[in-house]
Amino acid sequence: MKIYDCPRCNQQSLVPTGGFLSCHQCNYAITALALAMDQRLQNHPLPSHAS
């Protein structure tokens, strides 16, 4: 089972629990799709459109 870093508490405690990944340290829950999108945006931020 793969364990991920929790985006809320930064502990390596985010584990799959069916439809969600759940952190047992801070009680955070997120879907796998939302976590993947969040990680992608952190690694490749969207360009800003400053005027």
C-alpha atoms as a PDB file:
ATOM      1  CA  MET A   1       0.000   0.000   0.000  1.00  0.00           C
ATOM      2  CA  LYS A   2       1.379   3.391  -0.997  1.00  0.00           C
ATOM      3  CA  ILE A   3       1.369   6.137   1.634  1.00  0.00           C
ATOM      4  CA  TYR A   4       1.430   9.786   0.566  1.00  0.00           C
ATOM      5  CA  ASP A   5       2.391  13.060   2.232  1.00  0.00           C
ATOM      6  CA  CYS A   6      -0.643  14.849   3.633  1.00  0.00           C
ATOM      7  CA  PRO A   7      -1.075  18.329   2.095  1.00  0.00           C
ATOM      8  CA  ARG A   8      -2.502  19.641   5.385  1.00  0.00           C
ATOM      9  CA  CYS A   9      -0.091  18.374   8.071  1.00  0.00           C
ATOM     10  CA  ASN A  10       2.844  17.337   5.810  1.00  0.00           C
ATOM     11  CA  GLN A  11       3.165  13.957   7.549  1.00  0.00           C
ATOM     12  CA  GLN A  12       3.599  10.812   5.463  1.00  0.00           C
ATOM     13  CA  SER A  13       0.264   9.470   6.652  1.00  0.00           C
ATOM     14  CA  LEU A  14      -2.218   9.779   3.764  1.00  0.00           C
ATOM     15  CA  VAL A  15      -3.504   6.277   2.956  1.00  0.00           C
ATOM     16  CA  PRO A  16      -6.167   5.016   0.525  1.00  0.00           C
ATOM     17  CA  THR A  17      -9.452   4.095   2.230  1.00  0.00           C
ATOM     18  CA  GLY A  18     -11.621   3.264  -0.765  1.00  0.00           C
ATOM     19  CA  GLY A  19     -12.915   6.388  -2.522  1.00  0.00           C
ATOM     20  CA  PHE A  20     -10.715   8.750  -0.525  1.00  0.00           C
ATOM     21  CA  LEU A  21      -7.216   9.094   0.849  1.00  0.00           C
ATOM     22  CA  SER A  22      -7.346   9.764   4.558  1.00  0.00           C
ATOM     23  CA  CYS A  23      -4.792  11.172   7.000  1.00  0.00           C
ATOM     24  CA  HIS A  24      -4.926   9.589  10.437  1.00  0.00           C
ATOM     25  CA  GLN A  25      -2.784  12.388  11.914  1.00  0.00           C
ATOM     26  CA  CYS A  26      -5.074  15.362  11.167  1.00  0.00           C
ATOM     27  CA  ASN A  27      -8.293  13.650   9.924  1.00  0.00           C
ATOM     28  CA  TYR A  28      -7.932  15.170   6.437  1.00  0.00           C
ATOM     29  CA  ALA A  29      -9.608  13.366   3.519  1.00  0.00           C
ATOM     30  CA  ILE A  30      -9.225  13.984  -0.214  1.00  0.00           C
ATOM     31  CA  THR A  31     -10.091  12.102  -3.404  1.00  0.00           C
ATOM     32  CA  ALA A  32      -7.244  10.640  -5.431  1.00  0.00           C
ATOM     33  CA  LEU A  33      -8.149  12.893  -8.383  1.00  0.00           C
ATOM     34  CA  ALA A  34      -8.095  16.055  -6.252  1.00  0.00           C
ATOM     35  CA  LEU A  35      -4.758  15.040  -4.708  1.00  0.00           C
ATOM     36  CA  ALA A  36      -3.259  14.399  -8.158  1.00  0.00           C
ATOM     37  CA  MET A  37      -4.459  17.785  -9.421  1.00  0.00           C
ATOM     38  CA  ASP A  38      -3.116  19.529  -6.307  1.00  0.00           C
ATOM     39  CA  GLN A  39       0.287  17.851  -6.687  1.00  0.00           C
ATOM     40  CA  ARG A  40       0.410  18.700 -10.386  1.00  0.00           C
ATOM     41  CA  LEU A  41      -0.330  22.372  -9.713  1.00  0.00           C
ATOM     42  CA  GLN A  42       2.383  22.458  -7.046  1.00  0.00           C
ATOM     43  CA  ASN A  43       4.930  20.988  -9.472  1.00  0.00           C
ATOM     44  CA  HIS A  44       3.776  22.993 -12.520  1.00  0.00           C
ATOM     45  CA  PRO A  45       1.963  26.185 -11.465  1.00  0.00           C
ATOM     46  CA  LEU A  46      -0.341  27.848 -13.958  1.00  0.00           C
ATOM     47  CA  PRO A  47       1.171  30.949 -15.575  1.00  0.00           C
ATOM     48  CA  SER A  48      -0.092  34.235 -14.195  1.00  0.00           C
ATOM     49  CA  HIS A  49      -1.724  36.656 -16.604  1.00  0.00           C
ATOM     50  CA  ALA A  50      -0.535  39.924 -15.119  1.00  0.00           C
ATOM     51  CA  SER A  51      -1.666  43.021 -16.994  1.00  0.00           C
END
